[in-house]
C-alpha atoms as a PDB file:
ATOM      1  CA  MET A   1      18.667 -34.403 -39.372  1.00  0.00           C
ATOM      2  CA  SER A   2      16.825 -34.908 -36.081  1.00  0.00           C
ATOM      3  CA  THR A   3      17.560 -38.004 -34.019  1.00  0.00           C
ATOM      4  CA  PRO A   4      14.518 -40.223 -33.273  1.00  0.00           C
ATOM      5  CA  ALA A   5      13.432 -40.060 -29.638  1.00  0.00           C
ATOM      6  CA  SER A   6      14.166 -43.109 -27.539  1.00  0.00           C
ATOM      7  CA  PRO A   7      11.048 -45.241 -26.953  1.00  0.00           C
ATOM      8  CA  PRO A   8       9.529 -45.222 -23.459  1.00  0.00           C
ATOM      9  CA  ALA A   9      10.381 -47.895 -20.921  1.00  0.00           C
ATOM     10  CA  GLY A  10       8.319 -51.052 -21.305  1.00  0.00           C
ATOM     11  CA  TRP A  11       8.192 -54.660 -22.470  1.00  0.00           C
ATOM     12  CA  TYR A  12       9.320 -55.270 -26.067  1.00  0.00           C
ATOM     13  CA  PRO A  13      10.111 -58.417 -28.106  1.00  0.00           C
ATOM     14  CA  ASP A  14      13.505 -59.714 -26.992  1.00  0.00           C
ATOM     15  CA  PRO A  15      16.072 -59.152 -29.780  1.00  0.00           C
ATOM     16  CA  GLN A  16      17.927 -62.221 -28.484  1.00  0.00           C
ATOM     17  CA  ASP A  17      14.921 -64.552 -28.218  1.00  0.00           C
ATOM     18  CA  ASP A  18      11.841 -64.410 -30.464  1.00  0.00           C
ATOM     19  CA  HIS A  19       9.708 -66.237 -27.872  1.00  0.00           C
ATOM     20  CA  ARG A  20      10.247 -63.858 -24.932  1.00  0.00           C
ATOM     21  CA  GLU A  21       9.952 -60.173 -24.058  1.00  0.00           C
ATOM     22  CA  ARG A  22      12.685 -58.022 -22.487  1.00  0.00           C
ATOM     23  CA  TRP A  23      12.349 -54.845 -20.372  1.00  0.00           C
ATOM     24  CA  TRP A  24      13.560 -51.679 -22.156  1.00  0.00           C
ATOM     25  CA  ASN A  25      14.384 -49.024 -19.514  1.00  0.00           C
ATOM     26  CA  GLY A  26      14.253 -46.089 -21.892  1.00  0.00           C
ATOM     27  CA  LEU A  27      17.997 -46.157 -22.594  1.00  0.00           C
ATOM     28  CA  ALA A  28      19.088 -49.773 -22.857  1.00  0.00           C
ATOM     29  CA  TRP A  29      17.943 -53.363 -22.483  1.00  0.00           C
ATOM     30  CA  THR A  30      17.907 -54.782 -18.937  1.00  0.00           C
ATOM     31  CA  ALA A  31      18.262 -58.360 -17.683  1.00  0.00           C
ATOM     32  CA  SER A  32      14.515 -58.680 -16.923  1.00  0.00           C
ATOM     33  CA  THR A  33      12.671 -61.020 -19.312  1.00  0.00           C
ATOM     34  CA  ARG A  34       9.283 -62.690 -19.338  1.00  0.00           C
ATOM     35  CA  ALA A  35       7.047 -64.812 -21.513  1.00  0.00           C
ATOM     36  CA  PRO A  36       4.837 -62.695 -23.817  1.00  0.00           C
ATOM     37  CA  GLU A  37       1.354 -61.870 -22.594  1.00  0.00           C
ATOM     38  CA  PRO A  38      -1.511 -63.535 -24.540  1.00  0.00           C
ATOM     39  CA  ASP A  39      -2.496 -60.159 -26.034  1.00  0.00           C
ATOM     40  CA  ALA A  40       1.068 -59.558 -27.185  1.00  0.00           C
ATOM     41  CA  ILE A  41       1.224 -63.011 -28.818  1.00  0.00           C
ATOM     42  CA  ALA A  42      -2.039 -62.315 -30.645  1.00  0.00           C
ATOM     43  CA  ALA A  43      -0.710 -58.932 -31.781  1.00  0.00           C
ATOM     44  CA  LEU A  44       2.453 -60.522 -33.186  1.00  0.00           C
ATOM     45  CA  THR A  45       0.510 -63.277 -35.003  1.00  0.00           C
ATOM     46  CA  PRO A  46      -0.781 -62.106 -38.391  1.00  0.00           C
ATOM     47  CA  ALA A  47      -4.444 -62.801 -38.984  1.00  0.00           C
ATOM     48  CA  VAL A  48      -5.137 -65.343 -41.729  1.00  0.00           C
ATOM     49  CA  ASP A  49      -8.260 -65.048 -43.836  1.00  0.00           C
ATOM     50  CA  VAL A  50      -9.259 -68.658 -44.404  1.00  0.00           C
ATOM     51  CA  SER A  51     -12.030 -67.584 -46.803  1.00  0.00           C
ATOM     52  CA  ALA A  52      -9.569 -66.029 -49.273  1.00  0.00           C
ATOM     53  CA  PRO A  53      -8.354 -68.254 -52.142  1.00  0.00           C
ATOM     54  CA  MET A  54      -4.835 -69.600 -51.869  1.00  0.00           C
ATOM     55  CA  GLN A  55      -2.221 -67.774 -53.876  1.00  0.00           C
ATOM     56  CA  THR A  56      -0.840 -69.641 -56.894  1.00  0.00           C
ATOM     57  CA  SER A  57       2.531 -69.323 -58.537  1.00  0.00           C
ATOM     58  CA  ARG A  58       1.013 -67.260 -61.394  1.00  0.00           C
ATOM     59  CA  GLU A  59      -0.264 -64.555 -59.043  1.00  0.00           C
ATOM     60  CA  PRO A  60       2.028 -61.650 -58.112  1.00  0.00           C
ATOM     61  CA  TYR A  61       4.139 -62.053 -54.976  1.00  0.00           C
ATOM     62  CA  ALA A  62       2.455 -60.738 -51.822  1.00  0.00           C
ATOM     63  CA  PRO A  63       4.878 -59.368 -49.185  1.00  0.00           C
ATOM     64  CA  ALA A  64       4.688 -60.697 -45.640  1.00  0.00           C
ATOM     65  CA  PRO A  65       2.643 -58.666 -43.125  1.00  0.00           C
ATOM     66  CA  ALA A  66       4.584 -55.821 -41.556  1.00  0.00           C
ATOM     67  CA  HIS A  67       5.868 -56.309 -38.024  1.00  0.00           C
ATOM     68  CA  PRO A  68       3.614 -54.497 -35.501  1.00  0.00           C
ATOM     69  CA  MET A  69       6.561 -52.471 -34.212  1.00  0.00           C
ATOM     70  CA  SER A  70       7.207 -51.093 -37.737  1.00  0.00           C
ATOM     71  CA  ALA A  71       3.841 -49.295 -37.867  1.00  0.00           C
ATOM     72  CA  PRO A  72       3.989 -45.522 -38.436  1.00  0.00           C
ATOM     73  CA  GLY A  73       4.686 -43.588 -35.248  1.00  0.00           C
ATOM     74  CA  VAL A  74       6.097 -46.626 -33.368  1.00  0.00           C
ATOM     75  CA  VAL A  75       9.801 -46.486 -32.489  1.00  0.00           C
ATOM     76  CA  TYR A  76      11.425 -49.833 -31.750  1.00  0.00           C
ATOM     77  CA  PRO A  77      14.448 -49.866 -29.405  1.00  0.00           C
ATOM     78  CA  TYR A  78      17.680 -49.780 -31.397  1.00  0.00           C
ATOM     79  CA  VAL A  79      19.564 -53.059 -30.956  1.00  0.00           C
ATOM     80  CA  GLY A  80      22.712 -52.487 -33.013  1.00  0.00           C
ATOM     81  CA  SER A  81      25.020 -51.200 -30.277  1.00  0.00           C
ATOM     82  CA  GLN A  82      22.918 -51.879 -27.176  1.00  0.00           C
ATOM     83  CA  THR A  83      23.839 -54.563 -24.693  1.00  0.00           C
ATOM     84  CA  VAL A  84      21.907 -56.001 -21.773  1.00  0.00           C
ATOM     85  CA  GLN A  85      22.426 -53.612 -18.882  1.00  0.00           C
ATOM     86  CA  PRO A  86      21.756 -55.101 -15.418  1.00  0.00           C
ATOM     87  CA  TYR A  87      19.673 -53.000 -13.036  1.00  0.00           C
ATOM     88  CA  GLY A  88      21.773 -50.763 -10.805  1.00  0.00           C
ATOM     89  CA  GLN A  89      24.722 -50.481 -13.231  1.00  0.00           C
ATOM     90  CA  VAL A  90      24.126 -47.125 -14.876  1.00  0.00           C
ATOM     91  CA  ARG A  91      26.352 -44.624 -16.565  1.00  0.00           C
ATOM     92  CA  PRO A  92      27.058 -41.399 -14.628  1.00  0.00           C
ATOM     93  CA  ASN A  93      24.627 -39.225 -16.612  1.00  0.00           C
ATOM     94  CA  ASP A  94      21.821 -41.789 -16.917  1.00  0.00           C
ATOM     95  CA  ALA A  95      20.615 -41.921 -13.317  1.00  0.00           C
ATOM     96  CA  TRP A  96      17.672 -39.579 -13.894  1.00  0.00           C
ATOM     97  CA  ALA A  97      16.460 -41.329 -17.045  1.00  0.00           C
ATOM     98  CA  TYR A  98      17.018 -44.921 -15.942  1.00  0.00           C
ATOM     99  CA  GLY A  99      13.778 -46.911 -15.976  1.00  0.00           C
ATOM    100  CA  ALA A 100      12.814 -48.738 -12.779  1.00  0.00           C
ATOM    101  CA  PRO A 101      12.651 -52.533 -13.265  1.00  0.00           C
ATOM    102  CA  PRO A 102       9.191 -54.094 -13.108  1.00  0.00           C
ATOM    103  CA  VAL A 103       8.040 -55.613  -9.800  1.00  0.00           C
ATOM    104  CA  GLN A 104       5.095 -57.999 -10.017  1.00  0.00           C
ATOM    105  CA  GLY A 105       4.474 -58.887  -6.369  1.00  0.00           C
ATOM    106  CA  MET A 106       5.706 -58.847  -2.793  1.00  0.00           C
ATOM    107  CA  GLY A 107       8.188 -61.677  -3.378  1.00  0.00           C
ATOM    108  CA  SER A 108       9.859 -59.905  -6.270  1.00  0.00           C
ATOM    109  CA  ALA A 109       9.965 -56.631  -4.284  1.00  0.00           C
ATOM    110  CA  ILE A 110      11.703 -58.336  -1.334  1.00  0.00           C
ATOM    111  CA  THR A 111      14.187 -59.996  -3.703  1.00  0.00           C
ATOM    112  CA  SER A 112      14.919 -56.686  -5.438  1.00  0.00           C
ATOM    113  CA  VAL A 113      15.504 -54.817  -2.169  1.00  0.00           C
ATOM    114  CA  PHE A 114      17.945 -57.413  -0.824  1.00  0.00           C
ATOM    115  CA  ARG A 115      19.671 -57.746  -4.218  1.00  0.00           C
ATOM    116  CA  HIS A 116      20.421 -54.003  -4.094  1.00  0.00           C
ATOM    117  CA  TYR A 117      21.162 -53.987  -0.366  1.00  0.00           C
ATOM    118  CA  VAL A 118      23.171 -50.746  -0.256  1.00  0.00           C
ATOM    119  CA  ASP A 119      22.582 -49.599  -3.837  1.00  0.00           C
ATOM    120  CA  PHE A 120      21.721 -45.894  -3.724  1.00  0.00           C
ATOM    121  CA  SER A 121      21.873 -45.530  -7.534  1.00  0.00           C
ATOM    122  CA  GLY A 122      19.174 -46.301 -10.069  1.00  0.00           C
ATOM    123  CA  ARG A 123      15.445 -46.172  -9.411  1.00  0.00           C
ATOM    124  CA  ALA A 124      12.690 -47.946  -7.481  1.00  0.00           C
ATOM    125  CA  GLY A 125       9.083 -47.926  -8.672  1.00  0.00           C
ATOM    126  CA  ARG A 126       6.034 -47.579  -6.463  1.00  0.00           C
ATOM    127  CA  PRO A 127       5.198 -51.323  -6.457  1.00  0.00           C
ATOM    128  CA  GLU A 128       8.650 -52.257  -5.153  1.00  0.00           C
ATOM    129  CA  PHE A 129       8.552 -49.517  -2.512  1.00  0.00           C
ATOM    130  CA  TRP A 130       5.085 -50.161  -1.122  1.00  0.00           C
ATOM    131  CA  TYR A 131       5.270 -53.973  -1.273  1.00  0.00           C
ATOM    132  CA  TRP A 132       8.437 -53.760   0.804  1.00  0.00           C
ATOM    133  CA  TYR A 133       6.759 -51.506   3.398  1.00  0.00           C
ATOM    134  CA  LEU A 134       3.728 -53.807   3.499  1.00  0.00           C
ATOM    135  CA  PHE A 135       5.993 -56.793   4.137  1.00  0.00           C
ATOM    136  CA  ASN A 136       7.764 -54.941   6.967  1.00  0.00           C
ATOM    137  CA  ALA A 137       4.449 -53.849   8.484  1.00  0.00           C
ATOM    138  CA  ILE A 138       3.110 -57.427   8.533  1.00  0.00           C
ATOM    139  CA  LEU A 139       6.349 -58.761  10.034  1.00  0.00           C
ATOM    140  CA  THR A 140       6.526 -56.000  12.660  1.00  0.00           C
ATOM    141  CA  ILE A 141       2.896 -56.359  13.769  1.00  0.00           C
ATOM    142  CA  GLY A 142       3.258 -60.127  14.077  1.00  0.00           C
ATOM    143  CA  THR A 143       6.416 -59.788  16.179  1.00  0.00           C
ATOM    144  CA  ILE A 144       4.789 -57.199  18.456  1.00  0.00           C
ATOM    145  CA  LEU A 145       1.838 -59.551  19.025  1.00  0.00           C
ATOM    146  CA  LEU A 146       4.226 -62.320  20.081  1.00  0.00           C
ATOM    147  CA  PHE A 147       5.950 -59.871  22.437  1.00  0.00           C
ATOM    148  CA  VAL A 148       2.629 -58.872  24.026  1.00  0.00           C
ATOM    149  CA  ILE A 149       1.608 -62.530  24.461  1.00  0.00           C
ATOM    150  CA  GLY A 150       4.916 -63.248  26.185  1.00  0.00           C
ATOM    151  CA  ILE A 151       4.423 -60.322  28.559  1.00  0.00           C
ATOM    152  CA  LEU A 152       0.800 -61.212  29.428  1.00  0.00           C
ATOM    153  CA  LEU A 153       1.466 -64.937  29.893  1.00  0.00           C
ATOM    154  CA  PRO A 154       4.407 -65.442  32.287  1.00  0.00           C
ATOM    155  CA  PRO A 155       4.854 -69.161  31.380  1.00  0.00           C
ATOM    156  CA  VAL A 156       5.841 -68.125  27.862  1.00  0.00           C
ATOM    157  CA  ILE A 157       7.722 -64.946  28.751  1.00  0.00           C
ATOM    158  CA  TRP A 158      10.660 -66.376  26.797  1.00  0.00           C
ATOM    159  CA  LEU A 159       8.509 -65.899  23.673  1.00  0.00           C
ATOM    160  CA  GLY A 160       8.247 -62.172  24.363  1.00  0.00           C
ATOM    161  CA  ILE A 161      12.000 -61.903  24.921  1.00  0.00           C
ATOM    162  CA  LEU A 162      12.753 -63.708  21.648  1.00  0.00           C
ATOM    163  CA  ALA A 163      10.241 -61.527  19.791  1.00  0.00           C
ATOM    164  CA  TYR A 164      11.848 -58.362  21.177  1.00  0.00           C
ATOM    165  CA  LEU A 165      15.344 -59.492  20.197  1.00  0.00           C
ATOM    166  CA  ALA A 166      14.157 -60.580  16.744  1.00  0.00           C
ATOM    167  CA  LEU A 167      12.482 -57.220  16.144  1.00  0.00           C
ATOM    168  CA  ALA A 168      15.595 -55.307  17.200  1.00  0.00           C
ATOM    169  CA  LEU A 169      17.823 -57.474  14.991  1.00  0.00           C
ATOM    170  CA  TRP A 170      15.480 -57.117  12.014  1.00  0.00           C
ATOM    171  CA  GLY A 171      15.531 -53.336  12.373  1.00  0.00           C
ATOM    172  CA  LEU A 172      19.330 -53.360  12.126  1.00  0.00           C
ATOM    173  CA  VAL A 173      19.311 -55.708   9.126  1.00  0.00           C
ATOM    174  CA  VAL A 174      16.847 -53.694   7.023  1.00  0.00           C
ATOM    175  CA  PHE A 175      17.964 -50.171   7.958  1.00  0.00           C
ATOM    176  CA  LEU A 176      20.410 -49.699   5.071  1.00  0.00           C
ATOM    177  CA  PRO A 177      18.365 -51.420   2.315  1.00  0.00           C
ATOM    178  CA  THR A 178      15.270 -49.463   3.359  1.00  0.00           C
ATOM    179  CA  LEU A 179      17.211 -46.194   3.269  1.00  0.00           C
ATOM    180  CA  ALA A 180      18.594 -47.061  -0.181  1.00  0.00           C
ATOM    181  CA  LEU A 181      15.089 -47.940  -1.371  1.00  0.00           C
ATOM    182  CA  GLU A 182      13.734 -44.592  -0.165  1.00  0.00           C
ATOM    183  CA  VAL A 183      16.476 -42.718  -2.050  1.00  0.00           C
ATOM    184  CA  ARG A 184      15.828 -44.696  -5.241  1.00  0.00           C
ATOM    185  CA  ARG A 185      12.065 -44.017  -4.946  1.00  0.00           C
ATOM    186  CA  LEU A 186      12.696 -40.264  -4.734  1.00  0.00           C
ATOM    187  CA  ARG A 187      14.930 -40.445  -7.800  1.00  0.00           C
ATOM    188  CA  ASP A 188      12.295 -42.441  -9.686  1.00  0.00           C
ATOM    189  CA  ALA A 189       9.845 -39.595  -9.011  1.00  0.00           C
ATOM    190  CA  ALA A 190      12.427 -37.104 -10.403  1.00  0.00           C
ATOM    191  CA  LEU A 191      13.005 -35.638  -6.939  1.00  0.00           C
ATOM    192  CA  PRO A 192      16.407 -34.866  -5.352  1.00  0.00           C
ATOM    193  CA  TRP A 193      17.509 -37.511  -2.882  1.00  0.00           C
ATOM    194  CA  PRO A 194      18.454 -35.028  -0.064  1.00  0.00           C
ATOM    195  CA  LEU A 195      14.704 -34.699   0.584  1.00  0.00           C
ATOM    196  CA  ILE A 196      15.178 -37.877   2.639  1.00  0.00           C
ATOM    197  CA  PHE A 197      16.320 -35.615   5.486  1.00  0.00           C
ATOM    198  CA  LEU A 198      12.758 -34.353   5.837  1.00  0.00           C
ATOM    199  CA  ALA A 199      12.344 -37.369   8.124  1.00  0.00           C
ATOM    200  CA  VAL A 200      14.130 -35.472  10.924  1.00  0.00           C
ATOM    201  CA  VAL A 201      11.839 -32.432  10.581  1.00  0.00           C
ATOM    202  CA  PRO A 202       8.517 -32.277  12.461  1.00  0.00           C
ATOM    203  CA  PHE A 203       5.768 -33.599  10.175  1.00  0.00           C
ATOM    204  CA  GLY A 204       8.419 -34.119   7.513  1.00  0.00           C
ATOM    205  CA  SER A 205       7.596 -37.819   7.363  1.00  0.00           C
ATOM    206  CA  LEU A 206       4.095 -36.959   6.131  1.00  0.00           C
ATOM    207  CA  VAL A 207       5.597 -34.884   3.332  1.00  0.00           C
ATOM    208  CA  LEU A 208       7.918 -37.760   2.439  1.00  0.00           C
ATOM    209  CA  ILE A 209       5.007 -40.194   2.218  1.00  0.00           C
ATOM    210  CA  ALA A 210       3.298 -37.842  -0.242  1.00  0.00           C
ATOM    211  CA  LEU A 211       6.513 -37.616  -2.299  1.00  0.00           C
ATOM    212  CA  TRP A 212       6.969 -41.413  -2.324  1.00  0.00           C
ATOM    213  CA  CYS A 213       3.459 -41.700  -3.760  1.00  0.00           C
ATOM    214  CA  GLN A 214       4.432 -39.720  -6.869  1.00  0.00           C
ATOM    215  CA  PRO A 215       4.476 -41.651 -10.168  1.00  0.00           C
ATOM    216  CA  SER A 216       7.668 -42.442 -12.055  1.00  0.00           C
ATOM    217  CA  LYS A 217       9.015 -39.575 -14.134  1.00  0.00           C
ATOM    218  CA  ALA A 218      11.820 -39.265 -16.657  1.00  0.00           C
END
């Protein structure tokens, strides 16, 4: 007997709460939940034909509409022995198949990066990676502008000094989480993490950028 294939990572009805959805990473449930999208609510609500006559007790029993996830060809995540598995806590052999958690904006990307400050395991999707780099670019450009203003205007030279110190301190703070994020992004694209050392090779950074742009793969 063949074992059914595990369903792909995505949002599914939460087995612990009928009114929410939970992120299935392809192997187990994660801690990420959300309210169902309007389309999902409509899909889970059986259509009622108000023009049809009401069923009486003398008519044969009509079974309830089948759940959308029980349709032929749809595999619902098995719940019997699965437990909620927080992001970053993976079993040794699951690192390559672990689904990256969803990131829905810059704020959630920043939170995810700092939550997994030195976490080199697991995965990081493209939204998390590029939102984090966009945030750093905005912060760095703003600090450099303050530094230039302080240099050009001697009365506020203290502003340039503070901007320089803040930029240097920020670089130290985000070095490790950024490195961990880059490793997780390579793993999410099914690429070996030692490719990170391309950064020390001439033009290797351009190759890395192309690799970081690759979609998530199992």
